[in-house]
């Protein structure tokens, strides 16, 4: 079973946790279309029943703090990306969970992430957030 973590946004975080071997197979950042193509290819190769998606659902975020108009516009864009991922998973026929951002560990620094996961490669904040959705499942 492969668990795929997605952190939606302009820079989409993408991570794969191999449940059977208990390791992070991939931690990366890419466009939404690249991530969707990768998920589609994995579903075709492994079978839809062998993939489970965990996607951070920005629509469930109700706190925005003291932010300006541009930041709120960006939040709206990410909410739209969450809807697109929701639709994509339904259409593809893979099992998925839309995760409330409150229930994911986010914003880990690279050194913290490396210490917790053992991942040695370079990562972006988005990739680390995606990996935290699936790490250890």
N, C-alpha and C. Protein backbone atom coordinates (compact mmCIF):
# COMPACT_ATOMS: atom_id res chain seq x y z
N UNK A 1 0.85 -1.18 0.00
CA UNK A 1 0.00 0.00 0.00
C UNK A 1 0.89 1.24 0.00
N UNK A 2 0.56 2.18 -0.87
CA UNK A 2 1.27 3.47 -0.93
C UNK A 2 0.32 4.56 -0.46
N UNK A 3 0.79 5.37 0.46
CA UNK A 3 0.05 6.53 0.93
C UNK A 3 0.66 7.77 0.30
N UNK A 4 -0.17 8.57 -0.33
CA UNK A 4 0.31 9.77 -1.01
C UNK A 4 -0.20 10.99 -0.26
N UNK A 5 0.73 11.86 0.14
CA UNK A 5 0.39 13.10 0.81
C UNK A 5 0.45 14.26 -0.17
N UNK A 6 -0.55 15.12 -0.12
CA UNK A 6 -0.62 16.28 -1.01
C UNK A 6 -0.83 17.53 -0.17
N UNK A 7 0.04 18.51 -0.36
CA UNK A 7 -0.13 19.85 0.22
C UNK A 7 -0.44 20.78 -0.95
N UNK A 8 -1.74 21.07 -1.18
CA UNK A 8 -2.12 21.87 -2.35
C UNK A 8 -1.58 23.29 -2.31
N UNK A 9 -1.41 23.84 -3.47
CA UNK A 9 -0.97 25.22 -3.59
C UNK A 9 -0.28 25.43 -4.92
N UNK A 10 0.17 26.66 -5.14
CA UNK A 10 0.89 26.97 -6.38
C UNK A 10 2.08 26.04 -6.53
N UNK A 11 2.74 25.79 -5.43
CA UNK A 11 3.81 24.78 -5.35
C UNK A 11 3.21 23.62 -4.56
N UNK A 12 2.84 22.55 -5.25
CA UNK A 12 2.17 21.42 -4.61
C UNK A 12 3.20 20.51 -3.96
N UNK A 13 3.02 20.27 -2.67
CA UNK A 13 3.86 19.30 -1.96
C UNK A 13 3.36 17.90 -2.27
N UNK A 14 4.28 16.98 -2.53
CA UNK A 14 3.94 15.61 -2.92
C UNK A 14 4.85 14.65 -2.16
N UNK A 15 4.26 13.68 -1.49
CA UNK A 15 5.07 12.70 -0.77
C UNK A 15 4.43 11.32 -0.87
N UNK A 16 5.28 10.30 -0.86
CA UNK A 16 4.80 8.92 -0.91
C UNK A 16 5.41 8.15 0.27
N UNK A 17 4.52 7.55 1.05
CA UNK A 17 4.94 6.68 2.15
C UNK A 17 4.63 5.25 1.74
N UNK A 18 5.64 4.39 1.76
CA UNK A 18 5.45 2.97 1.48
C UNK A 18 5.08 2.30 2.80
N UNK A 19 3.80 1.94 2.92
CA UNK A 19 3.29 1.37 4.18
C UNK A 19 3.95 0.03 4.50
N UNK A 20 4.14 -0.80 3.49
CA UNK A 20 4.69 -2.14 3.73
C UNK A 20 6.15 -2.08 4.15
N UNK A 21 6.95 -1.26 3.48
CA UNK A 21 8.38 -1.16 3.78
C UNK A 21 8.68 -0.13 4.87
N UNK A 22 7.69 0.68 5.23
CA UNK A 22 7.81 1.69 6.29
C UNK A 22 8.91 2.72 6.00
N UNK A 23 8.82 3.36 4.84
CA UNK A 23 9.77 4.43 4.53
C UNK A 23 9.16 5.44 3.58
N UNK A 24 9.71 6.66 3.59
CA UNK A 24 9.32 7.69 2.64
C UNK A 24 10.01 7.39 1.32
N UNK A 25 9.23 7.13 0.30
CA UNK A 25 9.79 6.82 -1.02
C UNK A 25 10.04 8.08 -1.83
N UNK A 26 9.26 9.14 -1.55
CA UNK A 26 9.41 10.38 -2.31
C UNK A 26 8.93 11.56 -1.48
N UNK A 27 9.65 12.67 -1.58
CA UNK A 27 9.28 13.94 -0.97
C UNK A 27 9.68 15.01 -1.98
N UNK A 28 8.69 15.69 -2.56
CA UNK A 28 8.99 16.58 -3.68
C UNK A 28 8.00 17.73 -3.75
N UNK A 29 8.29 18.68 -4.62
CA UNK A 29 7.42 19.82 -4.90
C UNK A 29 7.27 19.92 -6.41
N UNK A 30 6.02 20.13 -6.86
CA UNK A 30 5.76 20.19 -8.30
C UNK A 30 4.48 20.97 -8.55
N UNK A 31 4.10 21.10 -9.80
CA UNK A 31 2.84 21.77 -10.12
C UNK A 31 1.68 20.81 -9.83
N UNK A 32 0.48 21.36 -9.74
CA UNK A 32 -0.69 20.52 -9.47
C UNK A 32 -0.90 19.51 -10.60
N UNK A 33 -0.66 19.91 -11.85
CA UNK A 33 -0.86 18.99 -12.97
C UNK A 33 0.18 17.88 -12.98
N UNK A 34 1.41 18.19 -12.60
CA UNK A 34 2.44 17.16 -12.51
C UNK A 34 2.09 16.16 -11.41
N UNK A 35 1.61 16.67 -10.27
CA UNK A 35 1.24 15.79 -9.17
C UNK A 35 0.08 14.88 -9.56
N UNK A 36 -0.90 15.44 -10.24
CA UNK A 36 -2.05 14.63 -10.66
C UNK A 36 -1.64 13.56 -11.66
N UNK A 37 -0.76 13.91 -12.57
CA UNK A 37 -0.27 12.93 -13.54
C UNK A 37 0.49 11.81 -12.83
N UNK A 38 1.27 12.16 -11.85
CA UNK A 38 2.04 11.16 -11.09
C UNK A 38 1.09 10.23 -10.33
N UNK A 39 0.05 10.78 -9.71
CA UNK A 39 -0.94 9.96 -9.01
C UNK A 39 -1.64 9.04 -10.00
N UNK A 40 -2.03 9.57 -11.15
CA UNK A 40 -2.72 8.76 -12.17
C UNK A 40 -1.82 7.60 -12.63
N UNK A 41 -0.54 7.87 -12.86
CA UNK A 41 0.39 6.82 -13.28
C UNK A 41 0.55 5.76 -12.19
N UNK A 42 0.67 6.21 -10.94
CA UNK A 42 0.80 5.25 -9.83
C UNK A 42 -0.45 4.39 -9.71
N UNK A 43 -1.62 5.00 -9.89
CA UNK A 43 -2.88 4.25 -9.81
C UNK A 43 -2.96 3.22 -10.93
N UNK A 44 -2.49 3.58 -12.12
CA UNK A 44 -2.51 2.64 -13.24
C UNK A 44 -1.54 1.49 -13.02
N UNK A 45 -0.38 1.78 -12.47
CA UNK A 45 0.65 0.75 -12.27
C UNK A 45 0.35 -0.14 -11.06
N UNK A 46 0.03 0.49 -9.93
CA UNK A 46 -0.16 -0.25 -8.67
C UNK A 46 -1.58 -0.76 -8.47
N UNK A 47 -2.53 -0.13 -9.15
CA UNK A 47 -3.94 -0.44 -8.93
C UNK A 47 -4.52 0.56 -7.93
N UNK A 48 -5.72 1.02 -8.23
CA UNK A 48 -6.36 2.05 -7.41
C UNK A 48 -6.57 1.60 -5.96
N UNK A 49 -6.74 0.30 -5.76
CA UNK A 49 -6.96 -0.23 -4.41
C UNK A 49 -5.69 -0.22 -3.57
N UNK A 50 -4.54 0.01 -4.18
CA UNK A 50 -3.26 0.02 -3.45
C UNK A 50 -2.74 1.42 -3.17
N UNK A 51 -3.60 2.42 -3.36
CA UNK A 51 -3.22 3.81 -3.11
C UNK A 51 -4.25 4.44 -2.18
N UNK A 52 -3.75 5.18 -1.22
CA UNK A 52 -4.63 5.98 -0.37
C UNK A 52 -4.04 7.39 -0.30
N UNK A 53 -4.89 8.37 -0.58
CA UNK A 53 -4.45 9.77 -0.62
C UNK A 53 -4.83 10.49 0.67
N UNK A 54 -3.92 11.35 1.13
CA UNK A 54 -4.18 12.25 2.26
C UNK A 54 -3.87 13.65 1.76
N UNK A 55 -4.90 14.47 1.70
CA UNK A 55 -4.78 15.80 1.09
C UNK A 55 -5.17 16.85 2.13
N UNK A 56 -4.27 17.82 2.33
CA UNK A 56 -4.62 18.90 3.25
C UNK A 56 -5.76 19.71 2.64
N UNK A 57 -6.82 19.88 3.41
CA UNK A 57 -8.03 20.55 2.92
C UNK A 57 -8.09 21.98 3.45
N UNK A 58 -7.62 22.91 2.62
CA UNK A 58 -7.59 24.32 3.01
C UNK A 58 -8.98 24.88 3.25
N UNK A 59 -10.01 24.23 2.71
CA UNK A 59 -11.38 24.70 2.91
C UNK A 59 -11.80 24.60 4.38
N UNK A 60 -11.12 23.75 5.12
CA UNK A 60 -11.44 23.57 6.54
C UNK A 60 -10.70 24.55 7.44
N UNK A 61 -9.82 25.33 6.85
CA UNK A 61 -9.07 26.31 7.64
C UNK A 61 -9.98 27.51 7.91
N UNK A 62 -10.15 27.83 9.18
CA UNK A 62 -11.04 28.93 9.54
C UNK A 62 -10.29 30.09 10.18
N UNK A 63 -8.97 29.94 10.35
CA UNK A 63 -8.19 31.02 10.94
C UNK A 63 -7.25 31.58 9.88
N UNK A 64 -7.18 32.86 9.79
CA UNK A 64 -6.29 33.50 8.83
C UNK A 64 -5.43 34.56 9.48
N UNK A 65 -5.67 34.82 10.77
CA UNK A 65 -4.84 35.78 11.48
C UNK A 65 -4.98 37.18 10.92
N UNK A 66 -3.96 37.96 11.13
CA UNK A 66 -3.96 39.36 10.72
C UNK A 66 -3.28 39.45 9.35
N UNK A 67 -4.05 39.13 8.30
CA UNK A 67 -3.46 39.07 6.96
C UNK A 67 -4.11 40.09 6.03
N UNK A 68 -3.40 40.43 4.99
CA UNK A 68 -3.88 41.40 4.01
C UNK A 68 -4.69 40.75 2.91
N UNK A 69 -5.21 41.57 2.04
CA UNK A 69 -6.09 41.14 0.95
C UNK A 69 -5.39 40.13 0.02
N UNK A 70 -4.13 40.37 -0.32
CA UNK A 70 -3.42 39.47 -1.23
C UNK A 70 -3.27 38.08 -0.62
N UNK A 71 -3.00 38.03 0.66
CA UNK A 71 -2.84 36.74 1.33
C UNK A 71 -4.17 35.98 1.33
N UNK A 72 -5.27 36.70 1.56
CA UNK A 72 -6.58 36.06 1.55
C UNK A 72 -6.94 35.57 0.15
N UNK A 73 -6.52 36.30 -0.89
CA UNK A 73 -6.74 35.83 -2.26
C UNK A 73 -6.00 34.53 -2.49
N UNK A 74 -4.78 34.44 -1.97
CA UNK A 74 -4.01 33.21 -2.08
C UNK A 74 -4.68 32.06 -1.36
N UNK A 75 -5.27 32.36 -0.20
CA UNK A 75 -6.00 31.34 0.55
C UNK A 75 -7.19 30.84 -0.27
N UNK A 76 -7.86 31.74 -0.97
CA UNK A 76 -8.98 31.33 -1.82
C UNK A 76 -8.53 30.42 -2.94
N UNK A 77 -7.37 30.70 -3.50
CA UNK A 77 -6.81 29.88 -4.56
C UNK A 77 -6.50 28.47 -4.05
N UNK A 78 -5.96 28.38 -2.86
CA UNK A 78 -5.63 27.08 -2.28
C UNK A 78 -6.91 26.31 -1.95
N UNK A 79 -7.95 27.03 -1.52
CA UNK A 79 -9.25 26.38 -1.28
C UNK A 79 -9.77 25.77 -2.58
N UNK A 80 -9.60 26.49 -3.67
CA UNK A 80 -10.02 25.98 -4.97
C UNK A 80 -9.21 24.74 -5.34
N UNK A 81 -7.93 24.75 -5.06
CA UNK A 81 -7.08 23.58 -5.32
C UNK A 81 -7.57 22.37 -4.53
N UNK A 82 -8.01 22.59 -3.29
CA UNK A 82 -8.54 21.49 -2.48
C UNK A 82 -9.78 20.88 -3.14
N UNK A 83 -10.63 21.73 -3.69
CA UNK A 83 -11.83 21.25 -4.39
C UNK A 83 -11.43 20.45 -5.63
N UNK A 84 -10.42 20.93 -6.35
CA UNK A 84 -9.95 20.22 -7.54
C UNK A 84 -9.42 18.84 -7.16
N UNK A 85 -8.64 18.75 -6.08
CA UNK A 85 -8.12 17.45 -5.63
C UNK A 85 -9.26 16.53 -5.21
N UNK A 86 -10.25 17.07 -4.52
CA UNK A 86 -11.42 16.29 -4.10
C UNK A 86 -12.10 15.68 -5.34
N UNK A 87 -12.35 16.50 -6.34
CA UNK A 87 -12.98 16.03 -7.58
C UNK A 87 -12.10 15.00 -8.30
N UNK A 88 -10.80 15.28 -8.36
CA UNK A 88 -9.86 14.39 -9.05
C UNK A 88 -9.88 12.99 -8.44
N UNK A 89 -9.82 12.92 -7.12
CA UNK A 89 -9.80 11.61 -6.45
C UNK A 89 -11.10 10.84 -6.65
N UNK A 90 -12.22 11.55 -6.64
CA UNK A 90 -13.51 10.90 -6.90
C UNK A 90 -13.53 10.33 -8.31
N UNK A 91 -13.11 11.14 -9.28
CA UNK A 91 -13.12 10.70 -10.67
C UNK A 91 -12.14 9.56 -10.93
N UNK A 92 -10.99 9.60 -10.27
CA UNK A 92 -9.98 8.56 -10.45
C UNK A 92 -10.38 7.26 -9.75
N UNK A 93 -11.18 7.39 -8.70
CA UNK A 93 -11.63 6.20 -7.98
C UNK A 93 -10.64 5.67 -6.97
N UNK A 94 -9.86 6.57 -6.38
CA UNK A 94 -8.93 6.16 -5.32
C UNK A 94 -9.49 6.57 -3.97
N UNK A 95 -9.11 5.82 -2.96
CA UNK A 95 -9.51 6.16 -1.60
C UNK A 95 -8.73 7.38 -1.14
N UNK A 96 -9.41 8.32 -0.49
CA UNK A 96 -8.73 9.53 -0.07
C UNK A 96 -9.39 10.13 1.16
N UNK A 97 -8.60 10.94 1.86
CA UNK A 97 -9.06 11.65 3.05
C UNK A 97 -8.66 13.11 2.89
N UNK A 98 -9.62 14.00 3.07
CA UNK A 98 -9.33 15.44 3.08
C UNK A 98 -9.05 15.80 4.53
N UNK A 99 -7.81 16.18 4.83
CA UNK A 99 -7.35 16.36 6.20
C UNK A 99 -7.47 17.83 6.61
N UNK A 100 -8.10 18.07 7.74
CA UNK A 100 -8.18 19.40 8.32
C UNK A 100 -6.76 19.84 8.67
N UNK A 101 -6.34 21.04 8.26
CA UNK A 101 -4.97 21.51 8.55
C UNK A 101 -4.61 21.49 10.03
N UNK A 102 -5.62 21.58 10.89
CA UNK A 102 -5.34 21.54 12.34
C UNK A 102 -4.75 20.22 12.77
N UNK A 103 -4.98 19.16 11.98
CA UNK A 103 -4.56 17.83 12.38
C UNK A 103 -3.33 17.34 11.62
N UNK A 104 -2.56 18.27 11.10
CA UNK A 104 -1.31 17.90 10.42
C UNK A 104 -0.17 18.71 11.02
N UNK A 105 0.96 18.06 11.16
CA UNK A 105 2.17 18.76 11.59
C UNK A 105 2.69 19.53 10.39
N UNK A 106 2.82 20.85 10.53
CA UNK A 106 3.28 21.65 9.40
C UNK A 106 4.39 22.59 9.83
N UNK A 107 5.01 23.16 8.82
CA UNK A 107 6.02 24.20 8.99
C UNK A 107 7.25 23.72 9.77
N UNK A 108 7.60 22.44 9.59
CA UNK A 108 8.84 21.94 10.18
C UNK A 108 10.02 22.49 9.39
N UNK A 109 11.06 22.85 10.08
CA UNK A 109 12.30 23.24 9.42
C UNK A 109 12.96 21.98 8.87
N UNK A 110 13.83 22.16 7.88
CA UNK A 110 14.47 21.02 7.22
C UNK A 110 15.20 20.11 8.22
N UNK A 111 15.91 20.69 9.16
CA UNK A 111 16.66 19.88 10.14
C UNK A 111 15.70 19.07 11.03
N UNK A 112 14.60 19.67 11.43
CA UNK A 112 13.61 18.96 12.25
C UNK A 112 13.03 17.79 11.46
N UNK A 113 12.68 18.07 10.21
CA UNK A 113 12.10 17.05 9.35
C UNK A 113 13.06 15.87 9.17
N UNK A 114 14.32 16.18 8.93
CA UNK A 114 15.33 15.14 8.74
C UNK A 114 15.47 14.29 10.00
N UNK A 115 15.47 14.93 11.16
CA UNK A 115 15.61 14.21 12.43
C UNK A 115 14.42 13.28 12.69
N UNK A 116 13.24 13.73 12.35
CA UNK A 116 12.03 12.95 12.61
C UNK A 116 11.86 11.81 11.61
N UNK A 117 12.09 12.10 10.32
CA UNK A 117 11.78 11.14 9.27
C UNK A 117 12.98 10.34 8.77
N UNK A 118 14.17 10.89 8.93
CA UNK A 118 15.36 10.26 8.38
C UNK A 118 15.58 10.59 6.90
N UNK A 119 14.70 11.41 6.32
CA UNK A 119 14.83 11.79 4.91
C UNK A 119 16.08 12.61 4.73
N UNK A 120 16.94 12.22 3.78
CA UNK A 120 18.22 12.88 3.60
C UNK A 120 18.24 13.91 2.48
N UNK A 121 17.27 13.85 1.58
CA UNK A 121 17.25 14.75 0.44
C UNK A 121 16.79 16.16 0.79
N UNK A 122 16.97 17.07 -0.17
CA UNK A 122 16.48 18.44 -0.01
C UNK A 122 14.97 18.45 -0.06
N UNK A 123 14.37 19.36 0.68
CA UNK A 123 12.91 19.46 0.70
C UNK A 123 12.49 20.92 0.76
N UNK A 124 11.29 21.17 0.29
CA UNK A 124 10.66 22.48 0.46
C UNK A 124 9.68 22.38 1.63
N UNK A 125 9.21 23.51 2.09
CA UNK A 125 8.20 23.51 3.16
C UNK A 125 6.96 22.74 2.70
N UNK A 126 6.57 22.91 1.45
CA UNK A 126 5.38 22.24 0.93
C UNK A 126 5.58 20.72 0.89
N UNK A 127 6.74 20.28 0.46
CA UNK A 127 7.03 18.85 0.41
C UNK A 127 7.04 18.25 1.81
N UNK A 128 7.61 18.97 2.78
CA UNK A 128 7.63 18.49 4.16
C UNK A 128 6.21 18.40 4.73
N UNK A 129 5.38 19.39 4.42
CA UNK A 129 3.98 19.35 4.89
C UNK A 129 3.25 18.15 4.29
N UNK A 130 3.48 17.85 3.01
CA UNK A 130 2.86 16.68 2.38
C UNK A 130 3.34 15.39 3.04
N UNK A 131 4.62 15.31 3.32
CA UNK A 131 5.18 14.11 3.93
C UNK A 131 4.61 13.90 5.33
N UNK A 132 4.39 14.97 6.06
CA UNK A 132 3.84 14.84 7.41
C UNK A 132 2.42 14.28 7.40
N UNK A 133 1.72 14.43 6.29
CA UNK A 133 0.38 13.86 6.17
C UNK A 133 0.40 12.34 6.14
N UNK A 134 1.48 11.75 5.66
CA UNK A 134 1.52 10.29 5.46
C UNK A 134 2.60 9.57 6.27
N UNK A 135 3.56 10.29 6.79
CA UNK A 135 4.69 9.65 7.47
C UNK A 135 4.21 8.77 8.64
N UNK A 136 4.65 7.53 8.64
CA UNK A 136 4.36 6.61 9.74
C UNK A 136 3.01 5.92 9.69
N UNK A 137 2.26 6.12 8.64
CA UNK A 137 0.92 5.49 8.57
C UNK A 137 1.01 4.01 8.30
